[in-house]
PDB file of N, CA and C in Angstrom:
ATOM      1  N   UNK A   1      -4.202  -5.778  -6.876  1.00  0.00           N
ATOM      2  CA  UNK A   1      -4.699  -4.425  -6.870  1.00  0.00           C
ATOM      3  C   UNK A   1      -4.470  -3.822  -8.254  1.00  0.00           C
ATOM      4  N   UNK A   2      -5.419  -3.061  -8.710  1.00  0.00           N
ATOM      5  CA  UNK A   2      -5.329  -2.450 -10.033  1.00  0.00           C
ATOM      6  C   UNK A   2      -4.418  -1.231 -10.014  1.00  0.00           C
ATOM      7  N   UNK A   3      -3.861  -0.930 -11.177  1.00  0.00           N
ATOM      8  CA  UNK A   3      -2.967   0.222 -11.318  1.00  0.00           C
ATOM      9  C   UNK A   3      -3.685   1.518 -10.944  1.00  0.00           C
ATOM     10  N   UNK A   4      -4.956   1.642 -11.324  1.00  0.00           N
ATOM     11  CA  UNK A   4      -5.707   2.859 -11.008  1.00  0.00           C
ATOM     12  C   UNK A   4      -5.870   3.042  -9.501  1.00  0.00           C
ATOM     13  N   UNK A   5      -5.999   1.936  -8.773  1.00  0.00           N
ATOM     14  CA  UNK A   5      -6.107   2.022  -7.320  1.00  0.00           C
ATOM     15  C   UNK A   5      -4.781   2.462  -6.709  1.00  0.00           C
ATOM     16  N   UNK A   6      -3.683   2.013  -7.295  1.00  0.00           N
ATOM     17  CA  UNK A   6      -2.369   2.391  -6.791  1.00  0.00           C
ATOM     18  C   UNK A   6      -2.086   3.870  -7.025  1.00  0.00           C
ATOM     19  N   UNK A   7      -2.520   4.396  -8.158  1.00  0.00           N
ATOM     20  CA  UNK A   7      -2.240   5.798  -8.468  1.00  0.00           C
ATOM     21  C   UNK A   7      -2.990   6.746  -7.542  1.00  0.00           C
ATOM     22  N   UNK A   8      -4.050   6.286  -6.918  1.00  0.00           N
ATOM     23  CA  UNK A   8      -4.823   7.123  -6.006  1.00  0.00           C
ATOM     24  C   UNK A   8      -4.247   7.139  -4.593  1.00  0.00           C
ATOM     25  N   UNK A   9      -3.241   6.314  -4.332  1.00  0.00           N
ATOM     26  CA  UNK A   9      -2.659   6.217  -2.998  1.00  0.00           C
ATOM     27  C   UNK A   9      -1.599   7.303  -2.793  1.00  0.00           C
ATOM     28  N   UNK A  10      -1.396   7.678  -1.541  1.00  0.00           N
ATOM     29  CA  UNK A  10      -0.360   8.660  -1.213  1.00  0.00           C
ATOM     30  C   UNK A  10       0.992   7.951  -1.128  1.00  0.00           C
ATOM     31  N   UNK A  11       2.055   8.740  -1.026  1.00  0.00           N
ATOM     32  CA  UNK A  11       3.400   8.175  -0.963  1.00  0.00           C
ATOM     33  C   UNK A  11       3.562   7.283   0.266  1.00  0.00           C
ATOM     34  N   UNK A  12       3.059   7.718   1.401  1.00  0.00           N
ATOM     35  CA  UNK A  12       3.190   6.911   2.621  1.00  0.00           C
ATOM     36  C   UNK A  12       2.414   5.590   2.497  1.00  0.00           C
ATOM     37  N   UNK A  13       1.249   5.648   1.863  1.00  0.00           N
ATOM     38  CA  UNK A  13       0.477   4.421   1.644  1.00  0.00           C
ATOM     39  C   UNK A  13       1.201   3.492   0.684  1.00  0.00           C
ATOM     40  N   UNK A  14       1.836   4.062  -0.333  1.00  0.00           N
ATOM     41  CA  UNK A  14       2.594   3.249  -1.289  1.00  0.00           C
ATOM     42  C   UNK A  14       3.790   2.585  -0.611  1.00  0.00           C
ATOM     43  N   UNK A  15       4.471   3.309   0.263  1.00  0.00           N
ATOM     44  CA  UNK A  15       5.608   2.733   0.979  1.00  0.00           C
ATOM     45  C   UNK A  15       5.164   1.589   1.877  1.00  0.00           C
ATOM     46  N   UNK A  16       4.015   1.753   2.526  1.00  0.00           N
ATOM     47  CA  UNK A  16       3.466   0.690   3.358  1.00  0.00           C
ATOM     48  C   UNK A  16       3.093  -0.519   2.510  1.00  0.00           C
ATOM     49  N   UNK A  17       2.475  -0.251   1.368  1.00  0.00           N
ATOM     50  CA  UNK A  17       2.084  -1.322   0.448  1.00  0.00           C
ATOM     51  C   UNK A  17       3.313  -2.079  -0.049  1.00  0.00           C
ATOM     52  N   UNK A  18       4.384  -1.351  -0.345  1.00  0.00           N
ATOM     53  CA  UNK A  18       5.625  -1.974  -0.809  1.00  0.00           C
ATOM     54  C   UNK A  18       6.205  -2.883   0.267  1.00  0.00           C
ATOM     55  N   UNK A  19       6.203  -2.419   1.495  1.00  0.00           N
ATOM     56  CA  UNK A  19       6.721  -3.233   2.594  1.00  0.00           C
ATOM     57  C   UNK A  19       5.872  -4.494   2.783  1.00  0.00           C
ATOM     58  N   UNK A  20       4.554  -4.347   2.740  1.00  0.00           N
ATOM     59  CA  UNK A  20       3.663  -5.499   2.892  1.00  0.00           C
ATOM     60  C   UNK A  20       3.869  -6.514   1.774  1.00  0.00           C
ATOM     61  N   UNK A  21       3.995  -6.009   0.542  1.00  0.00           N
ATOM     62  CA  UNK A  21       4.188  -6.906  -0.592  1.00  0.00           C
ATOM     63  C   UNK A  21       5.535  -7.609  -0.529  1.00  0.00           C
ATOM     64  N   UNK A  22       6.559  -6.922  -0.052  1.00  0.00           N
ATOM     65  CA  UNK A  22       7.876  -7.541   0.078  1.00  0.00           C
ATOM     66  C   UNK A  22       7.829  -8.676   1.089  1.00  0.00           C
ATOM     67  N   UNK A  23       7.125  -8.453   2.186  1.00  0.00           N
ATOM     68  CA  UNK A  23       6.971  -9.503   3.187  1.00  0.00           C
ATOM     69  C   UNK A  23       6.167 -10.676   2.632  1.00  0.00           C
ATOM     70  N   UNK A  24       5.125 -10.376   1.875  1.00  0.00           N
ATOM     71  CA  UNK A  24       4.310 -11.435   1.267  1.00  0.00           C
ATOM     72  C   UNK A  24       5.143 -12.261   0.293  1.00  0.00           C
ATOM     73  N   UNK A  25       5.956 -11.581  -0.513  1.00  0.00           N
ATOM     74  CA  UNK A  25       6.804 -12.291  -1.469  1.00  0.00           C
ATOM     75  C   UNK A  25       7.776 -13.213  -0.753  1.00  0.00           C
ATOM     76  N   UNK A  26       8.353 -12.735   0.323  1.00  0.00           N
ATOM     77  CA  UNK A  26       9.280 -13.564   1.090  1.00  0.00           C
ATOM     78  C   UNK A  26       8.555 -14.798   1.650  1.00  0.00           C
ATOM     79  N   UNK A  27       7.344 -14.597   2.165  1.00  0.00           N
ATOM     80  CA  UNK A  27       6.565 -15.726   2.693  1.00  0.00           C
ATOM     81  C   UNK A  27       6.202 -16.715   1.593  1.00  0.00           C
ATOM     82  N   UNK A  28       5.809 -16.204   0.417  1.00  0.00           N
ATOM     83  CA  UNK A  28       5.464 -17.091  -0.694  1.00  0.00           C
ATOM     84  C   UNK A  28       6.675 -17.907  -1.139  1.00  0.00           C
ATOM     85  N   UNK A  29       7.830 -17.269  -1.189  1.00  0.00           N
ATOM     86  CA  UNK A  29       9.046 -17.994  -1.581  1.00  0.00           C
ATOM     87  C   UNK A  29       9.393 -19.071  -0.556  1.00  0.00           C
ATOM     88  N   UNK A  30       9.200 -18.763   0.703  1.00  0.00           N
ATOM     89  CA  UNK A  30       9.459 -19.736   1.755  1.00  0.00           C
ATOM     90  C   UNK A  30       8.492 -20.911   1.633  1.00  0.00           C
ATOM     91  N   UNK A  31       7.211 -20.610   1.398  1.00  0.00           N
ATOM     92  CA  UNK A  31       6.218 -21.671   1.215  1.00  0.00           C
ATOM     93  C   UNK A  31       6.540 -22.513  -0.009  1.00  0.00           C
ATOM     94  N   UNK A  32       7.027 -21.873  -1.064  1.00  0.00           N
ATOM     95  CA  UNK A  32       7.372 -22.607  -2.278  1.00  0.00           C
ATOM     96  C   UNK A  32       8.532 -23.562  -2.019  1.00  0.00           C
ATOM     97  N   UNK A  33       9.503 -23.103  -1.243  1.00  0.00           N
ATOM     98  CA  UNK A  33      10.653 -23.951  -0.918  1.00  0.00           C
ATOM     99  C   UNK A  33      10.228 -25.169  -0.105  1.00  0.00           C
ATOM    100  N   UNK A  34       9.218 -24.978   0.735  1.00  0.00           N
ATOM    101  CA  UNK A  34       8.706 -26.090   1.537  1.00  0.00           C
ATOM    102  C   UNK A  34       7.622 -26.880   0.813  1.00  0.00           C
ATOM    103  N   UNK A  35       7.342 -26.495  -0.418  1.00  0.00           N
ATOM    104  CA  UNK A  35       6.316 -27.113  -1.257  1.00  0.00           C
ATOM    105  C   UNK A  35       4.944 -27.067  -0.594  1.00  0.00           C
ATOM    106  N   UNK A  36       4.634 -25.939   0.026  1.00  0.00           N
ATOM    107  CA  UNK A  36       3.337 -25.741   0.659  1.00  0.00           C
ATOM    108  C   UNK A  36       2.528 -24.647  -0.029  1.00  0.00           C
ATOM    109  N   UNK A  37       3.069 -24.045  -1.078  1.00  0.00           N
ATOM    110  CA  UNK A  37       2.374 -22.968  -1.768  1.00  0.00           C
ATOM    111  C   UNK A  37       1.299 -23.560  -2.668  1.00  0.00           C
ATOM    112  N   UNK A  38       0.051 -23.151  -2.426  1.00  0.00           N
ATOM    113  CA  UNK A  38      -1.069 -23.710  -3.178  1.00  0.00           C
ATOM    114  C   UNK A  38      -1.175 -23.114  -4.578  1.00  0.00           C
ATOM    115  N   UNK A  39      -0.929 -21.819  -4.702  1.00  0.00           N
ATOM    116  CA  UNK A  39      -1.082 -21.143  -5.987  1.00  0.00           C
ATOM    117  C   UNK A  39       0.213 -20.403  -6.339  1.00  0.00           C
ATOM    118  N   UNK A  40       1.111 -21.018  -7.108  1.00  0.00           N
ATOM    119  CA  UNK A  40       2.394 -20.404  -7.432  1.00  0.00           C
ATOM    120  C   UNK A  40       2.278 -19.112  -8.250  1.00  0.00           C
ATOM    121  N   UNK A  41       1.142 -18.862  -8.849  1.00  0.00           N
ATOM    122  CA  UNK A  41       0.940 -17.651  -9.643  1.00  0.00           C
ATOM    123  C   UNK A  41       0.910 -16.413  -8.732  1.00  0.00           C
ATOM    124  N   UNK A  42       0.656 -16.624  -7.438  1.00  0.00           N
ATOM    125  CA  UNK A  42       0.646 -15.520  -6.483  1.00  0.00           C
ATOM    126  C   UNK A  42       1.981 -14.790  -6.478  1.00  0.00           C
ATOM    127  N   UNK A  43       3.071 -15.520  -6.639  1.00  0.00           N
ATOM    128  CA  UNK A  43       4.401 -14.907  -6.656  1.00  0.00           C
ATOM    129  C   UNK A  43       4.504 -13.928  -7.811  1.00  0.00           C
ATOM    130  N   UNK A  44       4.016 -14.321  -8.961  1.00  0.00           N
ATOM    131  CA  UNK A  44       4.058 -13.466 -10.142  1.00  0.00           C
ATOM    132  C   UNK A  44       3.263 -12.182  -9.918  1.00  0.00           C
ATOM    133  N   UNK A  45       2.088 -12.300  -9.344  1.00  0.00           N
ATOM    134  CA  UNK A  45       1.238 -11.137  -9.110  1.00  0.00           C
ATOM    135  C   UNK A  45       1.858 -10.171  -8.094  1.00  0.00           C
ATOM    136  N   UNK A  46       2.448 -10.719  -7.043  1.00  0.00           N
ATOM    137  CA  UNK A  46       3.062  -9.866  -6.023  1.00  0.00           C
ATOM    138  C   UNK A  46       4.283  -9.157  -6.602  1.00  0.00           C
ATOM    139  N   UNK A  47       5.090  -9.858  -7.396  1.00  0.00           N
ATOM    140  CA  UNK A  47       6.254  -9.228  -8.010  1.00  0.00           C
ATOM    141  C   UNK A  47       5.846  -8.112  -8.961  1.00  0.00           C
ATOM    142  N   UNK A  48       4.766  -8.313  -9.689  1.00  0.00           N
ATOM    143  CA  UNK A  48       4.272  -7.286 -10.607  1.00  0.00           C
ATOM    144  C   UNK A  48       3.790  -6.060  -9.835  1.00  0.00           C
ATOM    145  N   UNK A  49       3.077  -6.285  -8.741  1.00  0.00           N
ATOM    146  CA  UNK A  49       2.582  -5.181  -7.937  1.00  0.00           C
ATOM    147  C   UNK A  49       3.728  -4.418  -7.275  1.00  0.00           C
ATOM    148  N   UNK A  50       4.762  -5.137  -6.838  1.00  0.00           N
ATOM    149  CA  UNK A  50       5.944  -4.475  -6.272  1.00  0.00           C
ATOM    150  C   UNK A  50       6.575  -3.559  -7.306  1.00  0.00           C
ATOM    151  N   UNK A  51       6.687  -4.035  -8.537  1.00  0.00           N
ATOM    152  CA  UNK A  51       7.267  -3.223  -9.613  1.00  0.00           C
ATOM    153  C   UNK A  51       6.421  -1.981  -9.882  1.00  0.00           C
ATOM    154  N   UNK A  52       5.103  -2.123  -9.859  1.00  0.00           N
ATOM    155  CA  UNK A  52       4.220  -0.976 -10.089  1.00  0.00           C
ATOM    156  C   UNK A  52       4.356   0.060  -8.978  1.00  0.00           C
ATOM    157  N   UNK A  53       4.437  -0.406  -7.742  1.00  0.00           N
ATOM    158  CA  UNK A  53       4.565   0.509  -6.610  1.00  0.00           C
ATOM    159  C   UNK A  53       5.905   1.228  -6.670  1.00  0.00           C
ATOM    160  N   UNK A  54       6.976   0.481  -6.972  1.00  0.00           N
ATOM    161  CA  UNK A  54       8.298   1.100  -7.072  1.00  0.00           C
ATOM    162  C   UNK A  54       8.331   2.140  -8.189  1.00  0.00           C
ATOM    163  N   UNK A  55       7.654   1.865  -9.287  1.00  0.00           N
ATOM    164  CA  UNK A  55       7.593   2.815 -10.394  1.00  0.00           C
ATOM    165  C   UNK A  55       6.893   4.095  -9.967  1.00  0.00           C
ATOM    166  N   UNK A  56       5.775   3.966  -9.281  1.00  0.00           N
ATOM    167  CA  UNK A  56       5.055   5.145  -8.808  1.00  0.00           C
ATOM    168  C   UNK A  56       5.881   5.952  -7.815  1.00  0.00           C
ATOM    169  N   UNK A  57       6.571   5.267  -6.900  1.00  0.00           N
ATOM    170  CA  UNK A  57       7.407   5.972  -5.932  1.00  0.00           C
ATOM    171  C   UNK A  57       8.543   6.718  -6.627  1.00  0.00           C
ATOM    172  N   UNK A  58       9.110   6.120  -7.656  1.00  0.00           N
ATOM    173  CA  UNK A  58      10.181   6.781  -8.404  1.00  0.00           C
ATOM    174  C   UNK A  58       9.641   7.986  -9.162  1.00  0.00           C
ATOM    175  N   UNK A  59       8.433   7.891  -9.688  1.00  0.00           N
ATOM    176  CA  UNK A  59       7.813   9.024 -10.376  1.00  0.00           C
ATOM    177  C   UNK A  59       7.603  10.185  -9.413  1.00  0.00           C
ATOM    178  N   UNK A  60       7.186   9.891  -8.183  1.00  0.00           N
ATOM    179  CA  UNK A  60       7.033  10.940  -7.176  1.00  0.00           C
ATOM    180  C   UNK A  60       8.398  11.562  -6.855  1.00  0.00           C
ATOM    181  N   UNK A  61       9.400  10.707  -6.738  1.00  0.00           N
ATOM    182  CA  UNK A  61      10.744  11.177  -6.399  1.00  0.00           C
ATOM    183  C   UNK A  61      11.312  12.095  -7.484  1.00  0.00           C
ATOM    184  N   UNK A  62      11.070  11.757  -8.740  1.00  0.00           N
ATOM    185  CA  UNK A  62      11.598  12.541  -9.854  1.00  0.00           C
ATOM    186  C   UNK A  62      10.742  13.761 -10.177  1.00  0.00           C
ATOM    187  N   UNK A  63       9.581  13.852  -9.566  1.00  0.00           N
ATOM    188  CA  UNK A  63       8.705  14.988  -9.817  1.00  0.00           C
ATOM    189  C   UNK A  63       7.815  14.813 -11.027  1.00  0.00           C
ATOM    190  N   UNK A  64       7.783  13.638 -11.590  1.00  0.00           N
ATOM    191  CA  UNK A  64       6.919  13.356 -12.737  1.00  0.00           C
ATOM    192  C   UNK A  64       5.464  13.348 -12.301  1.00  0.00           C
ATOM    193  N   UNK A  65       5.247  12.847 -11.110  1.00  0.00           N
ATOM    194  CA  UNK A  65       3.898  12.742 -10.544  1.00  0.00           C
ATOM    195  C   UNK A  65       3.882  13.522  -9.239  1.00  0.00           C
ATOM    196  N   UNK A  66       2.800  14.217  -8.974  1.00  0.00           N
ATOM    197  CA  UNK A  66       2.676  14.939  -7.719  1.00  0.00           C
ATOM    198  C   UNK A  66       1.501  14.385  -6.935  1.00  0.00           C
ATOM    199  N   UNK A  67       1.587  14.485  -5.616  1.00  0.00           N
ATOM    200  CA  UNK A  67       0.500  13.991  -4.773  1.00  0.00           C
ATOM    201  C   UNK A  67      -0.713  14.881  -4.934  1.00  0.00           C
ATOM    202  N   UNK A  68      -1.853  14.262  -4.947  1.00  0.00           N
ATOM    203  CA  UNK A  68      -3.107  15.014  -5.018  1.00  0.00           C
ATOM    204  C   UNK A  68      -3.402  15.596  -3.655  1.00  0.00           C
ATOM    205  N   UNK A  69      -3.853  16.810  -3.664  1.00  0.00           N
ATOM    206  CA  UNK A  69      -4.261  17.416  -2.406  1.00  0.00           C
ATOM    207  C   UNK A  69      -5.754  17.702  -2.494  1.00  0.00           C
ATOM    208  N   UNK A  70      -6.492  16.953  -1.706  1.00  0.00           N
ATOM    209  CA  UNK A  70      -7.939  17.093  -1.718  1.00  0.00           C
ATOM    210  C   UNK A  70      -8.351  18.265  -0.838  1.00  0.00           C
ATOM    211  N   UNK A  71      -9.053  19.194  -1.414  1.00  0.00           N
ATOM    212  CA  UNK A  71      -9.566  20.330  -0.653  1.00  0.00           C
ATOM    213  C   UNK A  71     -11.025  20.076  -0.314  1.00  0.00           C
ATOM    214  N   UNK A  72     -11.270  19.879   0.965  1.00  0.00           N
ATOM    215  CA  UNK A  72     -12.655  19.604   1.389  1.00  0.00           C
ATOM    216  C   UNK A  72     -13.269  20.818   2.009  1.00  0.00           C
TER     217      UNK A  72
END
């Protein structure tokens, strides 16, 4: 997922994304240990995305970034 797509997500969506990515990373590591992982680069991409999500969540926590409120 691109950084621009992550910045458009709400805090609750980011928390869900973080949980999903953490589970994916755990599964990839397990597959790697069993030598069943087809594309080891997936681990790198998931770890990078986890770091991006954590950074955005910390920015929200510190008040650097605020949630967008769409007025329809």
